[in-house]
Amino acid sequence: MAPLIADGGKSSIELREDGFVHLSWQPGAHIQVEDAHAAMAKVNEVCQQQQRPMLVDMAAVASVSREARGVWSIPCSASRIALLGKSPVDRVLANFFLGVHIPPCPTRFFTSRSEALDWLNADG
């Protein structure tokens, strides 16, 4: 399946051949509540009411509003979420979200794509 672009153009969502959903945020994006809602709507659309593991590439995202972080506490079609980043800023953003909000499913931050995919593929 070709990637879908969420309304606002800040993210793309793809259902990979291995069954994972890949949500990728544009580098330098300032994510607002409408961007988060648009991305989650596309995730639910590609999952077609099936629970699937999701890889979220958030490397080099500039900022995430408090309201946008709140959207990610709402259950969606993700069964597990691996947050993938590269920089200390990415880690701070992820840890802030995980410390303030209760994710709707198991969620972890990674700097290694292969470790993130291994974790998503692990049982429960």
Protein backbone atom coordinates (compact mmCIF):
# COMPACT_ATOMS: atom_id res chain seq x y z
CA MET A 1 0.00 0.00 0.00
CA ALA A 2 1.31 3.44 -0.91
CA PRO A 3 1.70 5.87 2.01
CA LEU A 4 -1.26 8.13 2.74
CA ILE A 5 -0.64 11.77 3.62
CA ALA A 6 -2.67 13.03 6.57
CA ASP A 7 -4.60 16.27 6.25
CA GLY A 8 -2.19 19.14 6.81
CA GLY A 9 0.67 17.23 5.17
CA LYS A 10 2.83 16.83 8.29
CA SER A 11 2.65 13.03 8.43
CA SER A 12 2.42 9.99 6.21
CA ILE A 13 0.91 6.65 7.14
CA GLU A 14 1.67 3.31 5.52
CA LEU A 15 0.51 -0.24 6.13
CA ARG A 16 3.67 -2.24 5.55
CA GLU A 17 3.79 -5.74 4.06
CA ASP A 18 4.84 -7.11 7.48
CA GLY A 19 1.58 -5.85 9.02
CA PHE A 20 3.05 -2.88 10.89
CA VAL A 21 1.63 0.60 10.51
CA HIS A 22 4.37 3.18 9.89
CA LEU A 23 3.52 6.75 10.90
CA SER A 24 6.22 9.18 9.85
CA TRP A 25 6.27 12.83 10.92
CA GLN A 26 8.02 15.40 8.73
CA PRO A 27 11.35 16.65 10.14
CA GLY A 28 10.93 20.10 11.67
CA ALA A 29 7.16 19.66 12.08
CA HIS A 30 5.36 21.64 14.78
CA ILE A 31 2.57 19.19 15.61
CA GLN A 32 -0.73 20.77 16.64
CA VAL A 33 -3.94 19.08 17.80
CA GLU A 34 -5.42 19.06 14.29
CA ASP A 35 -2.27 17.32 12.97
CA ALA A 36 -2.52 14.63 15.65
CA HIS A 37 -6.23 14.05 14.93
CA ALA A 38 -5.55 13.87 11.16
CA ALA A 39 -2.74 11.32 11.64
CA MET A 40 -4.82 9.13 13.97
CA ALA A 41 -7.76 9.22 11.54
CA LYS A 42 -5.46 7.92 8.76
CA VAL A 43 -4.02 5.25 11.07
CA ASN A 44 -7.53 4.01 11.84
CA GLU A 45 -8.38 4.14 8.12
CA VAL A 46 -5.43 1.98 7.03
CA CYS A 47 -5.97 -0.51 9.86
CA GLN A 48 -9.58 -1.15 8.81
CA GLN A 49 -10.70 -1.95 12.37
CA GLN A 50 -7.82 -4.37 13.03
CA GLN A 51 -5.36 -3.85 15.88
CA ARG A 52 -1.83 -3.54 14.47
CA PRO A 53 1.60 -2.67 15.89
CA MET A 54 2.71 0.85 14.94
CA LEU A 55 6.12 2.39 14.39
CA VAL A 56 6.07 6.18 14.84
CA ASP A 57 9.08 7.93 13.29
CA MET A 58 9.35 11.18 15.20
CA ALA A 59 13.00 11.95 14.45
CA ALA A 60 13.63 15.70 14.24
CA VAL A 61 10.07 16.78 15.11
CA ALA A 62 10.42 20.37 16.29
CA SER A 63 7.57 20.47 18.83
CA VAL A 64 4.34 18.85 19.94
CA SER A 65 1.59 20.93 21.53
CA ARG A 66 0.06 19.85 24.83
CA GLU A 67 -3.30 19.38 23.09
CA ALA A 68 -1.69 17.14 20.43
CA ARG A 69 -0.07 14.98 23.13
CA GLY A 70 -3.51 14.52 24.66
CA VAL A 71 -4.85 13.08 21.38
CA TRP A 72 -2.33 10.25 21.63
CA SER A 73 -3.92 9.09 24.88
CA ILE A 74 -7.10 8.19 22.96
CA PRO A 75 -7.28 4.51 21.93
CA CYS A 76 -6.79 3.88 18.21
CA SER A 77 -6.09 0.84 16.03
CA ALA A 78 -2.54 0.44 17.38
CA SER A 79 -1.89 -2.63 19.52
CA ARG A 80 1.66 -1.51 20.46
CA ILE A 81 3.50 1.71 19.66
CA ALA A 82 7.25 2.09 19.17
CA LEU A 83 8.35 5.72 19.13
CA LEU A 84 11.49 6.06 17.01
CA GLY A 85 13.76 9.07 17.43
CA LYS A 86 17.39 10.02 17.02
CA SER A 87 18.20 13.02 19.17
CA PRO A 88 18.07 13.91 22.86
CA VAL A 89 15.18 16.26 21.98
CA ASP A 90 13.23 13.31 20.54
CA ARG A 91 13.83 11.38 23.76
CA VAL A 92 12.68 14.34 25.89
CA LEU A 93 9.49 14.71 23.83
CA ALA A 94 8.74 10.97 24.11
CA ASN A 95 9.56 10.76 27.81
CA PHE A 96 7.46 13.85 28.54
CA PHE A 97 4.49 12.26 26.76
CA LEU A 98 4.98 8.91 28.49
CA GLY A 99 5.39 10.58 31.90
CA VAL A 100 2.32 12.82 31.66
CA HIS A 101 -0.15 10.72 29.65
CA ILE A 102 -1.25 7.12 29.91
CA PRO A 103 -0.83 5.59 26.45
CA PRO A 104 -3.76 3.49 25.23
CA CYS A 105 -1.47 0.49 24.59
CA PRO A 106 2.12 -0.57 25.39
CA THR A 107 4.41 2.24 24.18
CA ARG A 108 8.21 2.59 24.25
CA PHE A 109 10.85 4.95 22.85
CA PHE A 110 13.75 3.65 20.73
CA THR A 111 16.72 5.12 18.89
CA SER A 112 17.29 1.89 16.94
CA ARG A 113 14.83 0.98 14.17
CA SER A 114 15.74 -2.73 14.40
CA GLU A 115 15.18 -2.79 18.19
CA ALA A 116 11.86 -1.00 17.75
CA LEU A 117 10.71 -3.50 15.12
CA ASP A 118 11.88 -6.44 17.28
CA TRP A 119 9.86 -5.08 20.21
CA LEU A 120 6.77 -4.57 18.02
CA ASN A 121 7.10 -8.12 16.74
CA ALA A 122 7.45 -9.64 20.24
CA ASP A 123 4.50 -11.36 21.83
CA GLY A 124 2.50 -9.16 24.19
